[in-house]
Amino acid sequence: MAFVSQTRAGNLGTILVEDTSAASTVQYAKSGSTTLFAVQINNTSNAQVYLKFWDATSGVTVGTTAPVVVLACAASSKRSYMSPQGMVTFGSGLAYACVTTGGTAGTSDPAAAVDLMISLS
């Protein structure tokens, strides 16, 4: 898995997180208060996927810990979510994982690569 975080200038956040193979393993993208501005999901899988976000810097258990935000992306498609004012603010930090079931439940990895770009401040 390739997970990269970089600082950048811009109106939709100053940190860009890129993950070329998001899966059910929790990634802790940023610690401390952060605002989520934009998310792009490129789902090459033949099934819908769900990108889940938690307000945490540790201790998330996929399938048990209730996510703060869940974003869906249909099979074999690309989906973008964005808000110049910020979609949601996380107080502790930002964690994420990508699975095949929405809501809290679900621990299965997508069948094929899911590429993400997440814009934060």
PDB file of N, CA and C in Angstrom:
ATOM      1  N   MET A   1       0.836  -1.169   0.000  1.00  0.00           N
ATOM      2  CA  MET A   1       0.000   0.000   0.000  1.00  0.00           C
ATOM      3  C   MET A   1       0.878   1.227   0.000  1.00  0.00           C
ATOM      4  N   ALA A   2       0.459   2.222  -0.757  1.00  0.00           N
ATOM      5  CA  ALA A   2       1.182   3.482  -0.797  1.00  0.00           C
ATOM      6  C   ALA A   2       0.339   4.551  -0.124  1.00  0.00           C
ATOM      7  N   PHE A   3       0.858   5.095   0.948  1.00  0.00           N
ATOM      8  CA  PHE A   3       0.175   6.130   1.710  1.00  0.00           C
ATOM      9  C   PHE A   3       1.138   7.301   1.801  1.00  0.00           C
ATOM     10  N   VAL A   4       0.733   8.473   1.287  1.00  0.00           N
ATOM     11  CA  VAL A   4       1.596   9.645   1.268  1.00  0.00           C
ATOM     12  C   VAL A   4       0.800  10.833   1.771  1.00  0.00           C
ATOM     13  N   SER A   5       1.428  11.640   2.617  1.00  0.00           N
ATOM     14  CA  SER A   5       0.817  12.871   3.084  1.00  0.00           C
ATOM     15  C   SER A   5       1.777  14.006   2.759  1.00  0.00           C
ATOM     16  N   GLN A   6       1.261  15.086   2.147  1.00  0.00           N
ATOM     17  CA  GLN A   6       2.120  16.211   1.788  1.00  0.00           C
ATOM     18  C   GLN A   6       1.424  17.524   2.095  1.00  0.00           C
ATOM     19  N   THR A   7       2.212  18.525   2.419  1.00  0.00           N
ATOM     20  CA  THR A   7       1.705  19.862   2.689  1.00  0.00           C
ATOM     21  C   THR A   7       1.669  20.629   1.379  1.00  0.00           C
ATOM     22  N   ARG A   8       0.586  21.384   1.178  1.00  0.00           N
ATOM     23  CA  ARG A   8       0.434  22.145  -0.055  1.00  0.00           C
ATOM     24  C   ARG A   8      -0.392  23.387   0.221  1.00  0.00           C
ATOM     25  N   ALA A   9      -0.303  24.357  -0.670  1.00  0.00           N
ATOM     26  CA  ALA A   9      -1.110  25.570  -0.573  1.00  0.00           C
ATOM     27  C   ALA A   9      -2.408  25.353  -1.337  1.00  0.00           C
ATOM     28  N   GLY A  10      -3.471  25.963  -0.874  1.00  0.00           N
ATOM     29  CA  GLY A  10      -4.726  25.831  -1.605  1.00  0.00           C
ATOM     30  C   GLY A  10      -5.928  26.187  -0.769  1.00  0.00           C
ATOM     31  N   ASN A  11      -7.057  26.359  -1.456  1.00  0.00           N
ATOM     32  CA  ASN A  11      -8.295  26.732  -0.790  1.00  0.00           C
ATOM     33  C   ASN A  11      -9.046  25.549  -0.214  1.00  0.00           C
ATOM     34  N   LEU A  12      -8.741  24.346  -0.668  1.00  0.00           N
ATOM     35  CA  LEU A  12      -9.418  23.154  -0.170  1.00  0.00           C
ATOM     36  C   LEU A  12      -8.491  22.367   0.740  1.00  0.00           C
ATOM     37  N   GLY A  13      -7.933  23.032   1.727  1.00  0.00           N
ATOM     38  CA  GLY A  13      -7.055  22.373   2.681  1.00  0.00           C
ATOM     39  C   GLY A  13      -5.592  22.529   2.314  1.00  0.00           C
ATOM     40  N   THR A  14      -4.729  22.265   3.278  1.00  0.00           N
ATOM     41  CA  THR A  14      -3.291  22.428   3.084  1.00  0.00           C
ATOM     42  C   THR A  14      -2.535  21.106   3.130  1.00  0.00           C
ATOM     43  N   ILE A  15      -3.237  20.011   3.397  1.00  0.00           N
ATOM     44  CA  ILE A  15      -2.614  18.694   3.450  1.00  0.00           C
ATOM     45  C   ILE A  15      -3.347  17.783   2.471  1.00  0.00           C
ATOM     46  N   LEU A  16      -2.585  17.115   1.617  1.00  0.00           N
ATOM     47  CA  LEU A  16      -3.159  16.163   0.682  1.00  0.00           C
ATOM     48  C   LEU A  16      -2.670  14.770   1.057  1.00  0.00           C
ATOM     49  N   VAL A  17      -3.608  13.884   1.352  1.00  0.00           N
ATOM     50  CA  VAL A  17      -3.300  12.492   1.655  1.00  0.00           C
ATOM     51  C   VAL A  17      -3.661  11.676   0.427  1.00  0.00           C
ATOM     52  N   GLU A  18      -2.705  10.892  -0.070  1.00  0.00           N
ATOM     53  CA  GLU A  18      -2.950  10.011  -1.207  1.00  0.00           C
ATOM     54  C   GLU A  18      -2.710   8.570  -0.784  1.00  0.00           C
ATOM     55  N   ASP A  19      -3.633   7.702  -1.147  1.00  0.00           N
ATOM     56  CA  ASP A  19      -3.518   6.276  -0.837  1.00  0.00           C
ATOM     57  C   ASP A  19      -3.925   5.521  -2.094  1.00  0.00           C
ATOM     58  N   THR A  20      -3.005   4.734  -2.658  1.00  0.00           N
ATOM     59  CA  THR A  20      -3.270   4.049  -3.924  1.00  0.00           C
ATOM     60  C   THR A  20      -3.877   2.666  -3.744  1.00  0.00           C
ATOM     61  N   SER A  21      -4.052   2.234  -2.510  1.00  0.00           N
ATOM     62  CA  SER A  21      -4.702   0.933  -2.287  1.00  0.00           C
ATOM     63  C   SER A  21      -5.366   0.895  -0.918  1.00  0.00           C
ATOM     64  N   ALA A  22      -6.351   1.763  -0.736  1.00  0.00           N
ATOM     65  CA  ALA A  22      -7.071   1.833   0.540  1.00  0.00           C
ATOM     66  C   ALA A  22      -7.800   0.521   0.792  1.00  0.00           C
ATOM     67  N   ALA A  23      -7.789   0.094   2.041  1.00  0.00           N
ATOM     68  CA  ALA A  23      -8.402  -1.187   2.406  1.00  0.00           C
ATOM     69  C   ALA A  23      -8.912  -1.104   3.839  1.00  0.00           C
ATOM     70  N   SER A  24      -9.211  -2.252   4.428  1.00  0.00           N
ATOM     71  CA  SER A  24      -9.803  -2.304   5.766  1.00  0.00           C
ATOM     72  C   SER A  24      -8.812  -2.019   6.894  1.00  0.00           C
ATOM     73  N   THR A  25      -7.545  -1.915   6.586  1.00  0.00           N
ATOM     74  CA  THR A  25      -6.554  -1.547   7.595  1.00  0.00           C
ATOM     75  C   THR A  25      -6.665  -0.052   7.876  1.00  0.00           C
ATOM     76  N   VAL A  26      -6.842   0.321   9.134  1.00  0.00           N
ATOM     77  CA  VAL A  26      -7.001   1.729   9.500  1.00  0.00           C
ATOM     78  C   VAL A  26      -5.700   2.484   9.254  1.00  0.00           C
ATOM     79  N   GLN A  27      -5.841   3.630   8.608  1.00  0.00           N
ATOM     80  CA  GLN A  27      -4.717   4.541   8.416  1.00  0.00           C
ATOM     81  C   GLN A  27      -4.979   5.775   9.276  1.00  0.00           C
ATOM     82  N   TYR A  28      -3.992   6.171  10.048  1.00  0.00           N
ATOM     83  CA  TYR A  28      -4.097   7.368  10.881  1.00  0.00           C
ATOM     84  C   TYR A  28      -3.424   8.499  10.108  1.00  0.00           C
ATOM     85  N   ALA A  29      -4.240   9.302   9.411  1.00  0.00           N
ATOM     86  CA  ALA A  29      -3.740  10.282   8.458  1.00  0.00           C
ATOM     87  C   ALA A  29      -3.192  11.544   9.110  1.00  0.00           C
ATOM     88  N   LYS A  30      -3.784  11.976  10.218  1.00  0.00           N
ATOM     89  CA  LYS A  30      -3.337  13.215  10.860  1.00  0.00           C
ATOM     90  C   LYS A  30      -3.754  13.211  12.314  1.00  0.00           C
ATOM     91  N   SER A  31      -2.866  13.661  13.171  1.00  0.00           N
ATOM     92  CA  SER A  31      -3.232  13.830  14.575  1.00  0.00           C
ATOM     93  C   SER A  31      -3.506  15.302  14.839  1.00  0.00           C
ATOM     94  N   GLY A  32      -4.343  15.561  15.806  1.00  0.00           N
ATOM     95  CA  GLY A  32      -4.730  16.933  16.131  1.00  0.00           C
ATOM     96  C   GLY A  32      -5.947  17.358  15.335  1.00  0.00           C
ATOM     97  N   SER A  33      -6.471  18.499  15.695  1.00  0.00           N
ATOM     98  CA  SER A  33      -7.671  19.022  15.042  1.00  0.00           C
ATOM     99  C   SER A  33      -7.448  19.184  13.544  1.00  0.00           C
ATOM    100  N   THR A  34      -8.412  18.738  12.760  1.00  0.00           N
ATOM    101  CA  THR A  34      -8.318  18.848  11.306  1.00  0.00           C
ATOM    102  C   THR A  34      -9.710  18.949  10.699  1.00  0.00           C
ATOM    103  N   THR A  35      -9.779  19.625   9.574  1.00  0.00           N
ATOM    104  CA  THR A  35     -11.038  19.757   8.837  1.00  0.00           C
ATOM    105  C   THR A  35     -10.910  19.016   7.518  1.00  0.00           C
ATOM    106  N   LEU A  36     -11.921  18.247   7.186  1.00  0.00           N
ATOM    107  CA  LEU A  36     -11.982  17.504   5.938  1.00  0.00           C
ATOM    108  C   LEU A  36     -12.652  18.390   4.883  1.00  0.00           C
ATOM    109  N   PHE A  37     -11.929  18.687   3.795  1.00  0.00           N
ATOM    110  CA  PHE A  37     -12.454  19.559   2.745  1.00  0.00           C
ATOM    111  C   PHE A  37     -12.904  18.813   1.497  1.00  0.00           C
ATOM    112  N   ALA A  38     -12.133  17.817   1.083  1.00  0.00           N
ATOM    113  CA  ALA A  38     -12.466  17.131  -0.164  1.00  0.00           C
ATOM    114  C   ALA A  38     -11.967  15.696  -0.128  1.00  0.00           C
ATOM    115  N   VAL A  39     -12.705  14.813  -0.808  1.00  0.00           N
ATOM    116  CA  VAL A  39     -12.330  13.410  -0.925  1.00  0.00           C
ATOM    117  C   VAL A  39     -12.627  12.968  -2.349  1.00  0.00           C
ATOM    118  N   GLN A  40     -11.658  12.310  -2.960  1.00  0.00           N
ATOM    119  CA  GLN A  40     -11.884  11.685  -4.262  1.00  0.00           C
ATOM    120  C   GLN A  40     -11.624  10.194  -4.108  1.00  0.00           C
ATOM    121  N   ILE A  41     -12.604   9.384  -4.498  1.00  0.00           N
ATOM    122  CA  ILE A  41     -12.504   7.926  -4.408  1.00  0.00           C
ATOM    123  C   ILE A  41     -12.534   7.374  -5.828  1.00  0.00           C
ATOM    124  N   ASN A  42     -11.514   6.613  -6.199  1.00  0.00           N
ATOM    125  CA  ASN A  42     -11.475   5.939  -7.501  1.00  0.00           C
ATOM    126  C   ASN A  42     -11.559   4.443  -7.230  1.00  0.00           C
ATOM    127  N   ASN A  43     -12.731   3.886  -7.435  1.00  0.00           N
ATOM    128  CA  ASN A  43     -13.015   2.494  -7.111  1.00  0.00           C
ATOM    129  C   ASN A  43     -12.891   1.630  -8.368  1.00  0.00           C
ATOM    130  N   THR A  44     -11.823   0.844  -8.463  1.00  0.00           N
ATOM    131  CA  THR A  44     -11.647  -0.047  -9.612  1.00  0.00           C
ATOM    132  C   THR A  44     -12.263  -1.424  -9.354  1.00  0.00           C
ATOM    133  N   SER A  45     -12.838  -1.597  -8.186  1.00  0.00           N
ATOM    134  CA  SER A  45     -13.478  -2.860  -7.803  1.00  0.00           C
ATOM    135  C   SER A  45     -14.828  -3.020  -8.503  1.00  0.00           C
ATOM    136  N   ASN A  46     -15.305  -4.265  -8.609  1.00  0.00           N
ATOM    137  CA  ASN A  46     -16.607  -4.509  -9.231  1.00  0.00           C
ATOM    138  C   ASN A  46     -17.750  -4.509  -8.210  1.00  0.00           C
ATOM    139  N   ALA A  47     -17.509  -3.919  -7.045  1.00  0.00           N
ATOM    140  CA  ALA A  47     -18.535  -3.792  -6.005  1.00  0.00           C
ATOM    141  C   ALA A  47     -18.427  -2.414  -5.358  1.00  0.00           C
ATOM    142  N   GLN A  48     -19.545  -1.923  -4.841  1.00  0.00           N
ATOM    143  CA  GLN A  48     -19.540  -0.644  -4.138  1.00  0.00           C
ATOM    144  C   GLN A  48     -18.624  -0.713  -2.925  1.00  0.00           C
ATOM    145  N   VAL A  49     -17.953   0.414  -2.628  1.00  0.00           N
ATOM    146  CA  VAL A  49     -17.101   0.494  -1.444  1.00  0.00           C
ATOM    147  C   VAL A  49     -17.541   1.660  -0.576  1.00  0.00           C
ATOM    148  N   TYR A  50     -17.111   1.618   0.679  1.00  0.00           N
ATOM    149  CA  TYR A  50     -17.443   2.647   1.658  1.00  0.00           C
ATOM    150  C   TYR A  50     -16.162   3.119   2.332  1.00  0.00           C
ATOM    151  N   LEU A  51     -15.915   4.411   2.268  1.00  0.00           N
ATOM    152  CA  LEU A  51     -14.776   5.019   2.935  1.00  0.00           C
ATOM    153  C   LEU A  51     -15.268   5.558   4.273  1.00  0.00           C
ATOM    154  N   LYS A  52     -14.697   5.041   5.354  1.00  0.00           N
ATOM    155  CA  LYS A  52     -15.133   5.417   6.698  1.00  0.00           C
ATOM    156  C   LYS A  52     -14.071   6.276   7.370  1.00  0.00           C
ATOM    157  N   PHE A  53     -14.521   7.320   8.076  1.00  0.00           N
ATOM    158  CA  PHE A  53     -13.631   8.222   8.794  1.00  0.00           C
ATOM    159  C   PHE A  53     -13.960   8.200  10.284  1.00  0.00           C
ATOM    160  N   TRP A  54     -12.910   8.239  11.108  1.00  0.00           N
ATOM    161  CA  TRP A  54     -13.057   8.298  12.563  1.00  0.00           C
ATOM    162  C   TRP A  54     -12.292   9.492  13.105  1.00  0.00           C
ATOM    163  N   ASP A  55     -12.763  10.034  14.203  1.00  0.00           N
ATOM    164  CA  ASP A  55     -12.088  11.100  14.936  1.00  0.00           C
ATOM    165  C   ASP A  55     -11.202  10.413  15.974  1.00  0.00           C
ATOM    166  N   ALA A  56     -10.004  10.013  15.545  1.00  0.00           N
ATOM    167  CA  ALA A  56      -9.138   9.218  16.425  1.00  0.00           C
ATOM    168  C   ALA A  56      -7.694   9.242  15.937  1.00  0.00           C
ATOM    169  N   THR A  57      -6.778   8.990  16.848  1.00  0.00           N
ATOM    170  CA  THR A  57      -5.366   8.832  16.505  1.00  0.00           C
ATOM    171  C   THR A  57      -4.868   7.437  16.857  1.00  0.00           C
ATOM    172  N   SER A  58      -5.744   6.620  17.449  1.00  0.00           N
ATOM    173  CA  SER A  58      -5.422   5.216  17.750  1.00  0.00           C
ATOM    174  C   SER A  58      -6.697   4.525  18.220  1.00  0.00           C
ATOM    175  N   GLY A  59      -6.627   3.216  18.331  1.00  0.00           N
ATOM    176  CA  GLY A  59      -7.697   2.457  18.950  1.00  0.00           C
ATOM    177  C   GLY A  59      -8.934   2.183  18.120  1.00  0.00           C
ATOM    178  N   VAL A  60      -8.927   2.479  16.828  1.00  0.00           N
ATOM    179  CA  VAL A  60     -10.089   2.193  15.993  1.00  0.00           C
ATOM    180  C   VAL A  60     -10.104   0.709  15.630  1.00  0.00           C
ATOM    181  N   THR A  61     -11.259   0.078  15.798  1.00  0.00           N
ATOM    182  CA  THR A  61     -11.459  -1.300  15.361  1.00  0.00           C
ATOM    183  C   THR A  61     -12.512  -1.284  14.261  1.00  0.00           C
ATOM    184  N   VAL A  62     -12.086  -1.576  13.035  1.00  0.00           N
ATOM    185  CA  VAL A  62     -13.006  -1.590  11.899  1.00  0.00           C
ATOM    186  C   VAL A  62     -14.064  -2.656  12.142  1.00  0.00           C
ATOM    187  N   GLY A  63     -15.322  -2.285  11.936  1.00  0.00           N
ATOM    188  CA  GLY A  63     -16.436  -3.196  12.150  1.00  0.00           C
ATOM    189  C   GLY A  63     -17.062  -3.076  13.527  1.00  0.00           C
ATOM    190  N   THR A  64     -16.368  -2.385  14.448  1.00  0.00           N
ATOM    191  CA  THR A  64     -16.866  -2.214  15.814  1.00  0.00           C
ATOM    192  C   THR A  64     -16.994  -0.742  16.195  1.00  0.00           C
ATOM    193  N   THR A  65     -15.951   0.055  15.923  1.00  0.00           N
ATOM    194  CA  THR A  65     -15.948   1.477  16.253  1.00  0.00           C
ATOM    195  C   THR A  65     -16.819   2.229  15.254  1.00  0.00           C
ATOM    196  N   ALA A  66     -17.806   2.971  15.760  1.00  0.00           N
ATOM    197  CA  ALA A  66     -18.715   3.721  14.886  1.00  0.00           C
ATOM    198  C   ALA A  66     -17.980   4.865  14.188  1.00  0.00           C
ATOM    199  N   PRO A  67     -18.055   4.935  12.855  1.00  0.00           N
ATOM    200  CA  PRO A  67     -17.410   6.033  12.128  1.00  0.00           C
ATOM    201  C   PRO A  67     -18.191   7.340  12.275  1.00  0.00           C
ATOM    202  N   VAL A  68     -17.489   8.454  12.096  1.00  0.00           N
ATOM    203  CA  VAL A  68     -18.111   9.774  12.113  1.00  0.00           C
ATOM    204  C   VAL A  68     -18.737  10.070  10.757  1.00  0.00           C
ATOM    205  N   VAL A  69     -18.067   9.663   9.690  1.00  0.00           N
ATOM    206  CA  VAL A  69     -18.524   9.904   8.323  1.00  0.00           C
ATOM    207  C   VAL A  69     -18.306   8.630   7.516  1.00  0.00           C
ATOM    208  N   VAL A  70     -19.277   8.302   6.638  1.00  0.00           N
ATOM    209  CA  VAL A  70     -19.141   7.188   5.700  1.00  0.00           C
ATOM    210  C   VAL A  70     -19.506   7.710   4.308  1.00  0.00           C
ATOM    211  N   LEU A  71     -18.573   7.555   3.354  1.00  0.00           N
ATOM    212  CA  LEU A  71     -18.803   7.988   1.981  1.00  0.00           C
ATOM    213  C   LEU A  71     -18.806   6.769   1.066  1.00  0.00           C
ATOM    214  N   ALA A  72     -19.789   6.683   0.173  1.00  0.00           N
ATOM    215  CA  ALA A  72     -19.919   5.544  -0.732  1.00  0.00           C
ATOM    216  C   ALA A  72     -19.393   5.884  -2.117  1.00  0.00           C
ATOM    217  N   CYS A  73     -18.919   4.840  -2.810  1.00  0.00           N
ATOM    218  CA  CYS A  73     -18.515   4.966  -4.209  1.00  0.00           C
ATOM    219  C   CYS A  73     -18.945   3.701  -4.937  1.00  0.00           C
ATOM    220  N   ALA A  74     -19.721   3.872  -5.979  1.00  0.00           N
ATOM    221  CA  ALA A  74     -20.251   2.740  -6.744  1.00  0.00           C
ATOM    222  C   ALA A  74     -19.139   1.938  -7.409  1.00  0.00           C
ATOM    223  N   ALA A  75     -19.468   0.729  -7.797  1.00  0.00           N
ATOM    224  CA  ALA A  75     -18.521  -0.163  -8.467  1.00  0.00           C
ATOM    225  C   ALA A  75     -17.974   0.481  -9.739  1.00  0.00           C
ATOM    226  N   SER A  76     -16.683   0.277  -9.960  1.00  0.00           N
ATOM    227  CA  SER A  76     -16.016   0.724 -11.200  1.00  0.00           C
ATOM    228  C   SER A  76     -16.315   2.182 -11.530  1.00  0.00           C
ATOM    229  N   SER A  77     -16.194   3.058 -10.538  1.00  0.00           N
ATOM    230  CA  SER A  77     -16.475   4.475 -10.766  1.00  0.00           C
ATOM    231  C   SER A  77     -15.578   5.348  -9.907  1.00  0.00           C
ATOM    232  N   LYS A  78     -15.657   6.638 -10.186  1.00  0.00           N
ATOM    233  CA  LYS A  78     -14.917   7.635  -9.418  1.00  0.00           C
ATOM    234  C   LYS A  78     -15.937   8.599  -8.830  1.00  0.00           C
ATOM    235  N   ARG A  79     -15.744   8.965  -7.569  1.00  0.00           N
ATOM    236  CA  ARG A  79     -16.690   9.860  -6.882  1.00  0.00           C
ATOM    237  C   ARG A  79     -15.915  10.913  -6.124  1.00  0.00           C
ATOM    238  N   SER A  80     -16.361  12.162  -6.215  1.00  0.00           N
ATOM    239  CA  SER A  80     -15.734  13.263  -5.483  1.00  0.00           C
ATOM    240  C   SER A  80     -16.744  13.893  -4.543  1.00  0.00           C
ATOM    241  N   TYR A  81     -16.276  14.210  -3.351  1.00  0.00           N
ATOM    242  CA  TYR A  81     -17.056  14.928  -2.342  1.00  0.00           C
ATOM    243  C   TYR A  81     -16.217  16.136  -1.948  1.00  0.00           C
ATOM    244  N   MET A  82     -16.835  17.326  -1.889  1.00  0.00           N
ATOM    245  CA  MET A  82     -16.059  18.489  -1.448  1.00  0.00           C
ATOM    246  C   MET A  82     -16.950  19.592  -0.920  1.00  0.00           C
ATOM    247  N   SER A  83     -16.338  20.406  -0.059  1.00  0.00           N
ATOM    248  CA  SER A  83     -16.993  21.580   0.477  1.00  0.00           C
ATOM    249  C   SER A  83     -15.927  22.617   0.808  1.00  0.00           C
ATOM    250  N   PRO A  84     -15.946  23.778   0.146  1.00  0.00           N
ATOM    251  CA  PRO A  84     -14.954  24.811   0.437  1.00  0.00           C
ATOM    252  C   PRO A  84     -14.999  25.293   1.891  1.00  0.00           C
ATOM    253  N   GLN A  85     -16.148  25.129   2.569  1.00  0.00           N
ATOM    254  CA  GLN A  85     -16.267  25.524   3.968  1.00  0.00           C
ATOM    255  C   GLN A  85     -15.810  24.413   4.904  1.00  0.00           C
ATOM    256  N   GLY A  86     -15.570  23.249   4.377  1.00  0.00           N
ATOM    257  CA  GLY A  86     -15.197  22.100   5.193  1.00  0.00           C
ATOM    258  C   GLY A  86     -16.393  21.188   5.400  1.00  0.00           C
ATOM    259  N   MET A  87     -16.190  19.892   5.196  1.00  0.00           N
ATOM    260  CA  MET A  87     -17.273  18.925   5.349  1.00  0.00           C
ATOM    261  C   MET A  87     -17.530  18.613   6.814  1.00  0.00           C
ATOM    262  N   VAL A  88     -16.457  18.377   7.559  1.00  0.00           N
ATOM    263  CA  VAL A  88     -16.566  18.046   8.979  1.00  0.00           C
ATOM    264  C   VAL A  88     -15.211  18.321   9.634  1.00  0.00           C
ATOM    265  N   THR A  89     -15.237  18.667  10.915  1.00  0.00           N
ATOM    266  CA  THR A  89     -14.004  18.891  11.677  1.00  0.00           C
ATOM    267  C   THR A  89     -13.836  17.774  12.681  1.00  0.00           C
ATOM    268  N   PHE A  90     -12.621  17.255  12.767  1.00  0.00           N
ATOM    269  CA  PHE A  90     -12.263  16.199  13.709  1.00  0.00           C
ATOM    270  C   PHE A  90     -11.386  16.825  14.792  1.00  0.00           C
ATOM    271  N   GLY A  91     -11.708  16.578  16.054  1.00  0.00           N
ATOM    272  CA  GLY A  91     -10.980  17.195  17.156  1.00  0.00           C
ATOM    273  C   GLY A  91      -9.678  16.509  17.506  1.00  0.00           C
ATOM    274  N   SER A  92      -9.669  15.181  17.511  1.00  0.00           N
ATOM    275  CA  SER A  92      -8.484  14.420  17.924  1.00  0.00           C
ATOM    276  C   SER A  92      -7.534  14.141  16.774  1.00  0.00           C
ATOM    277  N   GLY A  93      -8.082  13.806  15.632  1.00  0.00           N
ATOM    278  CA  GLY A  93      -7.285  13.447  14.474  1.00  0.00           C
ATOM    279  C   GLY A  93      -8.157  12.732  13.470  1.00  0.00           C
ATOM    280  N   LEU A  94      -7.573  12.339  12.350  1.00  0.00           N
ATOM    281  CA  LEU A  94      -8.330  11.709  11.286  1.00  0.00           C
ATOM    282  C   LEU A  94      -7.781  10.320  10.994  1.00  0.00           C
ATOM    283  N   ALA A  95      -8.676   9.330  11.069  1.00  0.00           N
ATOM    284  CA  ALA A  95      -8.357   7.954  10.709  1.00  0.00           C
ATOM    285  C   ALA A  95      -9.352   7.530   9.642  1.00  0.00           C
ATOM    286  N   TYR A  96      -8.932   6.602   8.761  1.00  0.00           N
ATOM    287  CA  TYR A  96      -9.856   6.122   7.735  1.00  0.00           C
ATOM    288  C   TYR A  96      -9.559   4.674   7.365  1.00  0.00           C
ATOM    289  N   ALA A  97     -10.555   4.037   6.748  1.00  0.00           N
ATOM    290  CA  ALA A  97     -10.421   2.700   6.177  1.00  0.00           C
ATOM    291  C   ALA A  97     -11.476   2.562   5.090  1.00  0.00           C
ATOM    292  N   CYS A  98     -11.261   1.630   4.157  1.00  0.00           N
ATOM    293  CA  CYS A  98     -12.183   1.414   3.053  1.00  0.00           C
ATOM    294  C   CYS A  98     -12.618  -0.047   3.041  1.00  0.00           C
ATOM    295  N   VAL A  99     -13.939  -0.270   3.074  1.00  0.00           N
ATOM    296  CA  VAL A  99     -14.501  -1.625   3.148  1.00  0.00           C
ATOM    297  C   VAL A  99     -15.692  -1.759   2.203  1.00  0.00           C
ATOM    298  N   THR A 100     -16.304  -2.935   2.202  1.00  0.00           N
ATOM    299  CA  THR A 100     -17.404  -3.208   1.279  1.00  0.00           C
ATOM    300  C   THR A 100     -18.785  -3.142   1.919  1.00  0.00           C
ATOM    301  N   THR A 101     -18.868  -2.732   3.190  1.00  0.00           N
ATOM    302  CA  THR A 101     -20.147  -2.606   3.892  1.00  0.00           C
ATOM    303  C   THR A 101     -20.222  -1.245   4.561  1.00  0.00           C
ATOM    304  N   GLY A 102     -21.359  -0.565   4.414  1.00  0.00           N
ATOM    305  CA  GLY A 102     -21.538   0.741   5.033  1.00  0.00           C
ATOM    306  C   GLY A 102     -21.857   0.643   6.513  1.00  0.00           C
ATOM    307  N   GLY A 103     -22.100   1.775   7.150  1.00  0.00           N
ATOM    308  CA  GLY A 103     -22.415   1.804   8.573  1.00  0.00           C
ATOM    309  C   GLY A 103     -21.218   1.437   9.424  1.00  0.00           C
ATOM    310  N   THR A 104     -21.468   0.954  10.620  1.00  0.00           N
ATOM    311  CA  THR A 104     -20.382   0.546  11.517  1.00  0.00           C
ATOM    312  C   THR A 104     -19.830  -0.816  11.132  1.00  0.00           C
ATOM    313  N   ALA A 105     -20.713  -1.734  10.771  1.00  0.00           N
ATOM    314  CA  ALA A 105     -20.297  -3.105  10.449  1.00  0.00           C
ATOM    315  C   ALA A 105     -19.464  -3.139   9.169  1.00  0.00           C
ATOM    316  N   GLY A 106     -18.836  -4.267   8.944  1.00  0.00           N
ATOM    317  CA  GLY A 106     -18.082  -4.463   7.709  1.00  0.00           C
ATOM    318  C   GLY A 106     -16.591  -4.394   7.930  1.00  0.00           C
ATOM    319  N   THR A 107     -15.922  -5.448   7.544  1.00  0.00           N
ATOM    320  CA  THR A 107     -14.466  -5.499   7.700  1.00  0.00           C
ATOM    321  C   THR A 107     -13.776  -6.007   6.442  1.00  0.00           C
ATOM    322  N   SER A 108     -14.527  -6.271   5.380  1.00  0.00           N
ATOM    323  CA  SER A 108     -13.963  -6.876   4.178  1.00  0.00           C
ATOM    324  C   SER A 108     -13.273  -5.851   3.284  1.00  0.00           C
ATOM    325  N   ASP A 109     -12.087  -6.243   2.803  1.00  0.00           N
ATOM    326  CA  ASP A 109     -11.341  -5.410   1.862  1.00  0.00           C
ATOM    327  C   ASP A 109     -12.052  -5.349   0.515  1.00  0.00           C
ATOM    328  N   PRO A 110     -11.903  -4.240  -0.221  1.00  0.00           N
ATOM    329  CA  PRO A 110     -12.384  -4.195  -1.596  1.00  0.00           C
ATOM    330  C   PRO A 110     -11.643  -5.254  -2.431  1.00  0.00           C
ATOM    331  N   ALA A 111     -12.307  -5.747  -3.474  1.00  0.00           N
ATOM    332  CA  ALA A 111     -11.732  -6.808  -4.310  1.00  0.00           C
ATOM    333  C   ALA A 111     -10.610  -6.306  -5.216  1.00  0.00           C
ATOM    334  N   ALA A 112     -10.551  -5.008  -5.469  1.00  0.00           N
ATOM    335  CA  ALA A 112      -9.512  -4.422  -6.315  1.00  0.00           C
ATOM    336  C   ALA A 112      -9.097  -3.080  -5.712  1.00  0.00           C
ATOM    337  N   ALA A 113      -8.096  -2.478  -6.300  1.00  0.00           N
ATOM    338  CA  ALA A 113      -7.531  -1.236  -5.766  1.00  0.00           C
ATOM    339  C   ALA A 113      -8.563  -0.117  -5.674  1.00  0.00           C
ATOM    340  N   VAL A 114      -8.508   0.607  -4.569  1.00  0.00           N
ATOM    341  CA  VAL A 114      -9.291   1.822  -4.374  1.00  0.00           C
ATOM    342  C   VAL A 114      -8.290   2.936  -4.089  1.00  0.00           C
ATOM    343  N   ASP A 115      -8.254   3.911  -4.990  1.00  0.00           N
ATOM    344  CA  ASP A 115      -7.329   5.044  -4.857  1.00  0.00           C
ATOM    345  C   ASP A 115      -8.061   6.213  -4.209  1.00  0.00           C
ATOM    346  N   LEU A 116      -7.391   6.867  -3.251  1.00  0.00           N
ATOM    347  CA  LEU A 116      -7.992   7.992  -2.541  1.00  0.00           C
ATOM    348  C   LEU A 116      -7.112   9.224  -2.628  1.00  0.00           C
ATOM    349  N   MET A 117      -7.759  10.388  -2.655  1.00  0.00           N
ATOM    350  CA  MET A 117      -7.102  11.662  -2.411  1.00  0.00           C
ATOM    351  C   MET A 117      -7.994  12.381  -1.407  1.00  0.00           C
ATOM    352  N   ILE A 118      -7.397  12.764  -0.285  1.00  0.00           N
ATOM    353  CA  ILE A 118      -8.136  13.400   0.802  1.00  0.00           C
ATOM    354  C   ILE A 118      -7.473  14.736   1.107  1.00  0.00           C
ATOM    355  N   SER A 119      -8.251  15.813   1.088  1.00  0.00           N
ATOM    356  CA  SER A 119      -7.738  17.142   1.356  1.00  0.00           C
ATOM    357  C   SER A 119      -8.171  17.595   2.735  1.00  0.00           C
ATOM    358  N   LEU A 120      -7.181  17.977   3.565  1.00  0.00           N
ATOM    359  CA  LEU A 120      -7.400  18.366   4.969  1.00  0.00           C
ATOM    360  C   LEU A 120      -6.748  19.703   5.268  1.00  0.00           C
ATOM    361  N   SER A 121      -7.044  20.225   6.429  1.00  0.00           N
ATOM    362  CA  SER A 121      -6.280  21.375   6.918  1.00  0.00           C
ATOM    363  C   SER A 121      -5.679  21.026   8.253  1.00  0.00           C
TER     364      SER A 121
END
